[in-house]
């Protein structure tokens, strides 16, 4: 993120903190609970979720206190959406792919198979363009959408078997999530559904040949580098994206004074910046540690990468053909690709050169 933008974010936090009355003066104190799918103790929990809650409390002078809860502490991740909607908790920082059974756009919003985006800036340019559509979708299901929460670098595919070409995917057992099931099936692989804690043992025992879970840093935190021989590049199922949506209960949000709402948004933006630093730099450092361990990085041939991206494009177009809101989203995403210089990928989605 440019230094000038960081300065503006810090200045915004200082201003809202200065204007916010002190809770000790008798102002009402709002106490919220927030849930996330991140495991307690991981970088994505401590560096953004916990940091965000701390920033909100400090910037509001203690008038808004948000207590975070990690994956599975209060209830399964799959129940978090309804818990926010029904007011059991007031806030969620959550992967939208969990709500695919409610509407397929939640799944597509989480990741666009075969996508080419690589950086923080490219991803957040995309998210701002599609934010009005996601606001509309969440509102349809009784939840308020406050934008995406943080950044996720492109995922990697870790493998115990060499996958050096498009044809090598055929017959492989691959652990994935979200649209990954449909995507890797198009490549001829068999898909295995496993929770995060099960992936390590599955790789170790050979239950799966490969697994797509997260980026270099998070996969290292899960110790997948201990049971991996190869990493397949470039990103296949998920390119640079946002790791979580920030959602709130509408009644709780509407009850907040305007200055506290402004603090939440300012702290969200700071959390985005912190994620760019923690995950972006941390990801590169973690990648080098994998290389130092002797794990081989296999770079797929350009012609095979193009075939894979075409399969991902076909999947998105199939989804768009069945739902007007999904089509609007895909059209917006295609326009973003064109504006960012990914002309070939944009053309695949229907944007004229």
Protein backbone atom coordinates (compact mmCIF):
# COMPACT_ATOMS: atom_id res chain seq x y z
CA UNK A 1 0.00 0.00 0.00
CA UNK A 2 1.38 3.50 -0.86
CA UNK A 3 2.86 5.41 2.11
CA UNK A 4 0.53 8.35 1.45
CA UNK A 5 -2.52 6.13 1.88
CA UNK A 6 -1.13 4.71 5.13
CA UNK A 7 -0.64 8.24 6.47
CA UNK A 8 -4.25 9.07 5.63
CA UNK A 9 -5.50 5.95 7.40
CA UNK A 10 -3.53 6.75 10.54
CA UNK A 11 -4.75 10.34 10.43
CA UNK A 12 -8.35 9.13 10.14
CA UNK A 13 -7.95 6.94 13.21
CA UNK A 14 -6.47 9.84 15.18
CA UNK A 15 -9.32 12.13 14.21
CA UNK A 16 -12.13 9.71 15.10
CA UNK A 17 -10.41 8.80 18.36
CA UNK A 18 -10.12 12.50 19.25
CA UNK A 19 -13.77 13.17 18.47
CA UNK A 20 -15.14 10.08 20.24
CA UNK A 21 -16.34 10.80 23.78
CA UNK A 22 -14.62 8.87 26.57
CA UNK A 23 -16.65 5.95 27.94
CA UNK A 24 -15.82 7.18 31.43
CA UNK A 25 -17.91 10.31 30.82
CA UNK A 26 -21.08 8.27 31.07
CA UNK A 27 -21.54 7.54 27.37
CA UNK A 28 -23.11 4.17 26.57
CA UNK A 29 -20.66 1.31 26.08
CA UNK A 30 -21.52 -1.13 23.29
CA UNK A 31 -20.26 -4.68 23.78
CA UNK A 32 -20.15 -6.93 20.76
CA UNK A 33 -19.01 -10.45 20.02
CA UNK A 34 -17.30 -11.20 16.69
CA UNK A 35 -16.68 -14.59 15.11
CA UNK A 36 -14.18 -15.63 12.46
CA UNK A 37 -13.25 -18.84 10.68
CA UNK A 38 -9.58 -18.28 11.51
CA UNK A 39 -7.95 -20.62 13.99
CA UNK A 40 -6.84 -19.00 17.23
CA UNK A 41 -3.07 -18.52 17.26
CA UNK A 42 -2.58 -18.22 13.51
CA UNK A 43 -1.25 -15.03 11.93
CA UNK A 44 -4.56 -14.26 10.27
CA UNK A 45 -6.24 -14.34 13.66
CA UNK A 46 -3.75 -12.30 15.66
CA UNK A 47 -2.53 -9.88 12.98
CA UNK A 48 -5.92 -8.66 11.78
CA UNK A 49 -8.90 -10.02 13.76
CA UNK A 50 -7.49 -9.35 17.24
CA UNK A 51 -5.69 -6.23 16.04
CA UNK A 52 -8.92 -4.84 14.56
CA UNK A 53 -10.85 -5.37 17.80
CA UNK A 54 -8.08 -3.68 19.79
CA UNK A 55 -8.00 -0.72 17.40
CA UNK A 56 -11.77 -0.22 17.63
CA UNK A 57 -11.70 -0.20 21.43
CA UNK A 58 -8.81 2.27 21.57
CA UNK A 59 -10.15 4.56 18.84
CA UNK A 60 -13.58 4.68 20.49
CA UNK A 61 -12.08 5.33 23.94
CA UNK A 62 -13.70 2.14 25.16
CA UNK A 63 -17.21 2.93 23.91
CA UNK A 64 -17.24 -0.03 21.51
CA UNK A 65 -15.70 -3.24 22.79
CA UNK A 66 -15.56 -6.20 20.39
CA UNK A 67 -14.59 -9.59 21.76
CA UNK A 68 -13.25 -11.96 19.05
CA UNK A 69 -13.84 -15.70 18.89
CA UNK A 70 -11.89 -18.03 16.64
CA UNK A 71 -13.04 -20.94 14.47
CA UNK A 72 -15.41 -23.32 16.22
CA UNK A 73 -15.20 -21.69 19.65
CA UNK A 74 -18.85 -20.65 19.81
CA UNK A 75 -20.32 -22.79 17.01
CA UNK A 76 -19.31 -24.36 13.68
CA UNK A 77 -18.26 -21.96 10.91
CA UNK A 78 -21.26 -23.02 8.85
CA UNK A 79 -23.61 -21.55 11.47
CA UNK A 80 -21.90 -18.18 11.74
CA UNK A 81 -23.95 -16.41 9.06
CA UNK A 82 -27.25 -17.18 10.76
CA UNK A 83 -25.76 -16.31 14.15
CA UNK A 84 -24.89 -12.80 12.89
CA UNK A 85 -28.26 -12.42 11.20
CA UNK A 86 -30.17 -13.49 14.32
CA UNK A 87 -28.10 -11.38 16.71
CA UNK A 88 -26.44 -14.23 18.64
CA UNK A 89 -23.24 -12.36 17.76
CA UNK A 90 -23.03 -8.87 16.34
CA UNK A 91 -20.16 -9.21 13.86
CA UNK A 92 -18.39 -11.73 11.66
CA UNK A 93 -15.11 -11.70 9.74
CA UNK A 94 -15.77 -14.69 7.56
CA UNK A 95 -15.05 -16.42 4.26
CA UNK A 96 -18.14 -15.98 2.10
CA UNK A 97 -17.70 -19.41 0.52
CA UNK A 98 -19.29 -20.92 3.62
CA UNK A 99 -22.68 -19.56 2.46
CA UNK A 100 -22.71 -21.12 -0.99
CA UNK A 101 -25.85 -23.09 -0.14
CA UNK A 102 -27.70 -19.79 0.32
CA UNK A 103 -26.62 -18.36 -3.04
CA UNK A 104 -23.88 -19.35 -5.46
CA UNK A 105 -22.58 -15.78 -5.65
CA UNK A 106 -21.25 -16.13 -2.09
CA UNK A 107 -19.03 -18.91 -3.42
CA UNK A 108 -17.90 -16.99 -6.49
CA UNK A 109 -17.20 -13.89 -4.42
CA UNK A 110 -14.82 -15.94 -2.28
CA UNK A 111 -12.73 -17.05 -5.25
CA UNK A 112 -12.78 -16.92 -9.01
CA UNK A 113 -11.23 -20.12 -10.39
CA UNK A 114 -8.27 -19.58 -12.67
CA UNK A 115 -8.07 -15.88 -11.84
CA UNK A 116 -4.86 -13.97 -12.65
CA UNK A 117 -4.77 -11.29 -9.93
CA UNK A 118 -1.53 -11.15 -7.96
CA UNK A 119 -1.41 -8.15 -5.62
CA UNK A 120 -3.15 -6.37 -2.76
CA UNK A 121 -3.92 -3.37 -4.96
CA UNK A 122 -5.45 -5.42 -7.76
CA UNK A 123 -7.63 -7.36 -5.36
CA UNK A 124 -9.02 -4.35 -3.53
CA UNK A 125 -9.68 -2.55 -6.80
CA UNK A 126 -11.86 -5.54 -7.69
CA UNK A 127 -13.62 -5.68 -4.32
CA UNK A 128 -14.62 -2.02 -4.40
CA UNK A 129 -16.11 -2.45 -7.88
CA UNK A 130 -18.31 -5.39 -6.83
CA UNK A 131 -19.16 -4.15 -3.31
CA UNK A 132 -22.62 -2.79 -4.27
CA UNK A 133 -23.62 -6.23 -5.58
CA UNK A 134 -22.48 -7.93 -2.39
CA UNK A 135 -24.34 -5.37 -0.26
CA UNK A 136 -27.48 -6.24 -2.20
CA UNK A 137 -26.93 -9.97 -1.79
CA UNK A 138 -26.22 -9.88 1.94
CA UNK A 139 -29.22 -7.60 2.53
CA UNK A 140 -31.42 -10.14 0.79
CA UNK A 141 -30.52 -12.58 3.57
CA UNK A 142 -30.88 -10.11 6.44
CA UNK A 143 -27.21 -9.22 7.02
CA UNK A 144 -25.34 -5.93 6.60
CA UNK A 145 -22.14 -6.07 4.53
CA UNK A 146 -19.35 -3.65 5.50
CA UNK A 147 -16.94 -4.61 2.75
CA UNK A 148 -14.12 -7.11 2.64
CA UNK A 149 -11.92 -7.30 5.71
CA UNK A 150 -8.41 -8.38 4.74
CA UNK A 151 -6.09 -9.61 2.02
CA UNK A 152 -5.14 -13.13 1.00
CA UNK A 153 -2.21 -13.77 -1.36
CA UNK A 154 -2.69 -16.36 -4.12
CA UNK A 155 -3.12 -19.88 -2.79
CA UNK A 156 -0.67 -22.68 -3.55
CA UNK A 157 -1.32 -26.32 -4.41
CA UNK A 158 0.84 -28.56 -2.22
CA UNK A 159 1.44 -32.08 -3.48
CA UNK A 160 3.14 -35.35 -2.67
CA UNK A 161 3.13 -36.29 -6.36
CA UNK A 162 4.63 -34.34 -9.28
CA UNK A 163 2.01 -32.50 -11.36
CA UNK A 164 3.87 -31.08 -14.33
CA UNK A 165 1.14 -30.67 -16.93
CA UNK A 166 -2.59 -30.31 -17.45
CA UNK A 167 -2.93 -34.04 -18.04
CA UNK A 168 -1.21 -34.88 -14.74
CA UNK A 169 -4.28 -33.67 -12.83
CA UNK A 170 -6.30 -36.59 -14.15
CA UNK A 171 -6.96 -39.18 -11.49
CA UNK A 172 -5.33 -37.23 -8.67
CA UNK A 173 -7.13 -36.97 -5.32
CA UNK A 174 -7.16 -33.28 -4.42
CA UNK A 175 -8.41 -31.66 -1.24
CA UNK A 176 -10.10 -28.32 -1.95
CA UNK A 177 -13.08 -26.18 -0.96
CA UNK A 178 -15.61 -23.76 -2.40
CA UNK A 179 -15.72 -23.88 -6.18
CA UNK A 180 -12.63 -26.07 -6.11
CA UNK A 181 -14.74 -29.20 -6.32
CA UNK A 182 -16.24 -28.21 -9.67
CA UNK A 183 -13.00 -26.64 -10.89
CA UNK A 184 -10.66 -29.58 -10.26
CA UNK A 185 -13.28 -31.98 -11.56
CA UNK A 186 -13.03 -30.13 -14.87
CA UNK A 187 -9.31 -30.93 -14.82
CA UNK A 188 -10.04 -34.63 -14.36
CA UNK A 189 -9.16 -34.87 -10.66
CA UNK A 190 -11.15 -36.50 -7.88
CA UNK A 191 -12.12 -34.09 -5.13
CA UNK A 192 -11.83 -34.85 -1.41
CA UNK A 193 -13.58 -32.72 1.21
CA UNK A 194 -11.57 -32.35 4.42
CA UNK A 195 -11.57 -29.85 7.27
CA UNK A 196 -8.36 -27.90 7.88
CA UNK A 197 -7.10 -30.07 10.77
CA UNK A 198 -7.49 -33.21 8.63
CA UNK A 199 -5.31 -32.06 5.73
CA UNK A 200 -1.91 -32.73 7.32
CA UNK A 201 -2.67 -36.39 8.05
CA UNK A 202 -4.29 -36.88 4.65
CA UNK A 203 -1.09 -35.73 2.93
CA UNK A 204 1.05 -37.75 5.32
CA UNK A 205 -0.91 -40.99 4.79
CA UNK A 206 -1.49 -40.51 1.07
CA UNK A 207 -5.26 -40.16 1.39
CA UNK A 208 -4.88 -37.18 -0.94
CA UNK A 209 -2.21 -36.55 -3.57
CA UNK A 210 -2.48 -32.78 -3.30
CA UNK A 211 -4.23 -30.15 -1.24
CA UNK A 212 -5.24 -26.58 -1.80
CA UNK A 213 -5.76 -24.81 1.51
CA UNK A 214 -4.04 -21.45 1.62
CA UNK A 215 -0.87 -19.50 0.84
CA UNK A 216 2.76 -20.22 1.74
CA UNK A 217 2.54 -18.60 5.18
CA UNK A 218 -0.69 -20.20 6.42
CA UNK A 219 0.24 -23.59 4.99
CA UNK A 220 3.54 -23.38 6.87
CA UNK A 221 1.67 -22.54 10.08
CA UNK A 222 -0.36 -25.71 9.47
CA UNK A 223 2.98 -27.59 9.03
CA UNK A 224 2.11 -28.75 5.52
CA UNK A 225 5.73 -28.17 4.53
CA UNK A 226 6.53 -31.27 6.61
CA UNK A 227 4.41 -33.54 4.39
CA UNK A 228 4.85 -31.87 0.98
CA UNK A 229 7.30 -32.68 -1.80
CA UNK A 230 6.07 -30.28 -4.47
CA UNK A 231 4.24 -26.98 -4.84
CA UNK A 232 2.41 -26.38 -8.12
CA UNK A 233 2.46 -22.83 -9.51
CA UNK A 234 0.93 -20.49 -10.56
CA UNK A 235 -2.26 -20.11 -8.49
CA UNK A 236 -4.97 -22.30 -9.94
CA UNK A 237 -8.20 -22.24 -7.99
CA UNK A 238 -7.70 -18.98 -6.08
CA UNK A 239 -5.64 -15.97 -7.08
CA UNK A 240 -5.11 -12.87 -4.90
CA UNK A 241 -8.36 -12.34 -3.06
CA UNK A 242 -9.88 -11.21 0.22
CA UNK A 243 -9.82 -13.69 3.05
CA UNK A 244 -12.90 -12.46 4.91
CA UNK A 245 -16.03 -10.38 4.51
CA UNK A 246 -16.92 -8.01 7.35
CA UNK A 247 -20.59 -8.54 8.21
CA UNK A 248 -22.77 -7.23 11.04
CA UNK A 249 -26.23 -7.69 12.48
CA UNK A 250 -28.39 -4.87 11.00
CA UNK A 251 -30.03 -3.94 14.31
CA UNK A 252 -26.71 -3.79 16.14
CA UNK A 253 -25.18 -1.69 13.36
CA UNK A 254 -28.12 0.73 13.18
CA UNK A 255 -27.95 1.22 16.95
CA UNK A 256 -24.37 2.53 16.79
CA UNK A 257 -23.84 6.32 16.71
CA UNK A 258 -22.36 7.63 13.49
CA UNK A 259 -18.95 8.30 15.02
CA UNK A 260 -18.63 4.67 16.13
CA UNK A 261 -19.65 3.49 12.66
CA UNK A 262 -16.90 5.69 11.23
CA UNK A 263 -14.40 4.17 13.66
CA UNK A 264 -15.34 0.63 12.58
CA UNK A 265 -14.79 1.50 8.91
CA UNK A 266 -11.50 3.31 9.60
CA UNK A 267 -10.23 0.35 11.63
CA UNK A 268 -11.35 -2.02 8.87
CA UNK A 269 -9.18 -0.08 6.44
CA UNK A 270 -6.25 -0.25 8.82
CA UNK A 271 -6.78 -4.00 9.17
CA UNK A 272 -6.57 -4.25 5.38
CA UNK A 273 -3.25 -2.43 5.44
CA UNK A 274 -1.93 -4.63 8.25
CA UNK A 275 -2.94 -7.72 6.28
CA UNK A 276 -1.01 -6.47 3.25
CA UNK A 277 2.13 -6.20 5.38
CA UNK A 278 1.69 -9.32 7.51
CA UNK A 279 0.48 -11.65 4.78
CA UNK A 280 2.29 -10.16 1.79
CA UNK A 281 5.77 -9.96 3.31
CA UNK A 282 5.20 -12.98 5.55
CA UNK A 283 4.15 -15.02 2.56
CA UNK A 284 7.42 -14.31 0.73
CA UNK A 285 9.49 -15.12 3.82
CA UNK A 286 7.59 -18.38 4.29
CA UNK A 287 8.05 -19.28 0.62
CA UNK A 288 11.82 -19.03 0.97
CA UNK A 289 11.72 -21.38 3.95
CA UNK A 290 9.91 -23.98 1.81
CA UNK A 291 12.58 -23.62 -0.86
CA UNK A 292 15.32 -23.96 1.75
CA UNK A 293 13.75 -27.25 2.84
CA UNK A 294 14.24 -28.60 -0.66
CA UNK A 295 10.60 -28.64 -1.67
CA UNK A 296 10.39 -28.42 -5.47
CA UNK A 297 8.31 -25.70 -7.08
CA UNK A 298 6.81 -26.91 -10.34
CA UNK A 299 5.85 -24.17 -12.78
CA UNK A 300 3.20 -25.38 -15.20
CA UNK A 301 3.79 -24.70 -18.92
CA UNK A 302 2.14 -21.47 -20.16
CA UNK A 303 -0.10 -23.35 -22.60
CA UNK A 304 -1.41 -25.51 -19.76
CA UNK A 305 -2.00 -22.50 -17.55
CA UNK A 306 -4.10 -21.00 -20.34
CA UNK A 307 -6.16 -24.21 -20.59
CA UNK A 308 -6.69 -24.16 -16.83
CA UNK A 309 -7.78 -20.52 -16.87
CA UNK A 310 -10.21 -21.37 -19.68
CA UNK A 311 -11.74 -24.11 -17.55
CA UNK A 312 -12.17 -21.63 -14.71
CA UNK A 313 -13.72 -19.11 -17.08
CA UNK A 314 -16.14 -21.71 -18.42
CA UNK A 315 -17.24 -22.51 -14.88
CA UNK A 316 -17.94 -18.85 -14.10
CA UNK A 317 -19.87 -18.40 -17.34
CA UNK A 318 -21.97 -21.47 -16.54
CA UNK A 319 -22.85 -19.95 -13.18
CA UNK A 320 -23.61 -16.57 -14.75
CA UNK A 321 -25.99 -18.15 -17.25
CA UNK A 322 -28.21 -19.37 -14.41
CA UNK A 323 -28.55 -16.21 -12.31
CA UNK A 324 -28.82 -12.49 -13.25
CA UNK A 325 -26.97 -11.31 -10.12
CA UNK A 326 -24.09 -13.69 -10.79
CA UNK A 327 -23.96 -12.47 -14.41
CA UNK A 328 -23.78 -8.88 -13.21
CA UNK A 329 -20.93 -9.84 -10.89
CA UNK A 330 -19.02 -11.73 -13.60
CA UNK A 331 -19.46 -8.84 -16.04
CA UNK A 332 -18.10 -6.41 -13.43
CA UNK A 333 -15.17 -8.71 -12.70
CA UNK A 334 -14.41 -9.04 -16.41
CA UNK A 335 -14.36 -5.26 -16.77
CA UNK A 336 -11.93 -5.04 -13.84
CA UNK A 337 -9.61 -7.54 -15.55
CA UNK A 338 -9.70 -5.46 -18.71
CA UNK A 339 -8.93 -2.26 -16.81
CA UNK A 340 -6.01 -3.93 -15.02
CA UNK A 341 -4.49 -5.13 -18.28
CA UNK A 342 -5.55 -8.78 -18.21
CA UNK A 343 -7.04 -8.47 -21.67
CA UNK A 344 -6.95 -12.14 -22.63
CA UNK A 345 -8.70 -13.23 -19.44
CA UNK A 346 -11.24 -10.41 -19.87
CA UNK A 347 -11.95 -11.51 -23.44
CA UNK A 348 -12.59 -15.06 -22.19
CA UNK A 349 -15.36 -13.59 -20.03
CA UNK A 350 -16.86 -11.64 -22.89
CA UNK A 351 -15.21 -8.20 -22.79
CA UNK A 352 -14.50 -7.06 -26.34
CA UNK A 353 -10.84 -6.09 -27.03
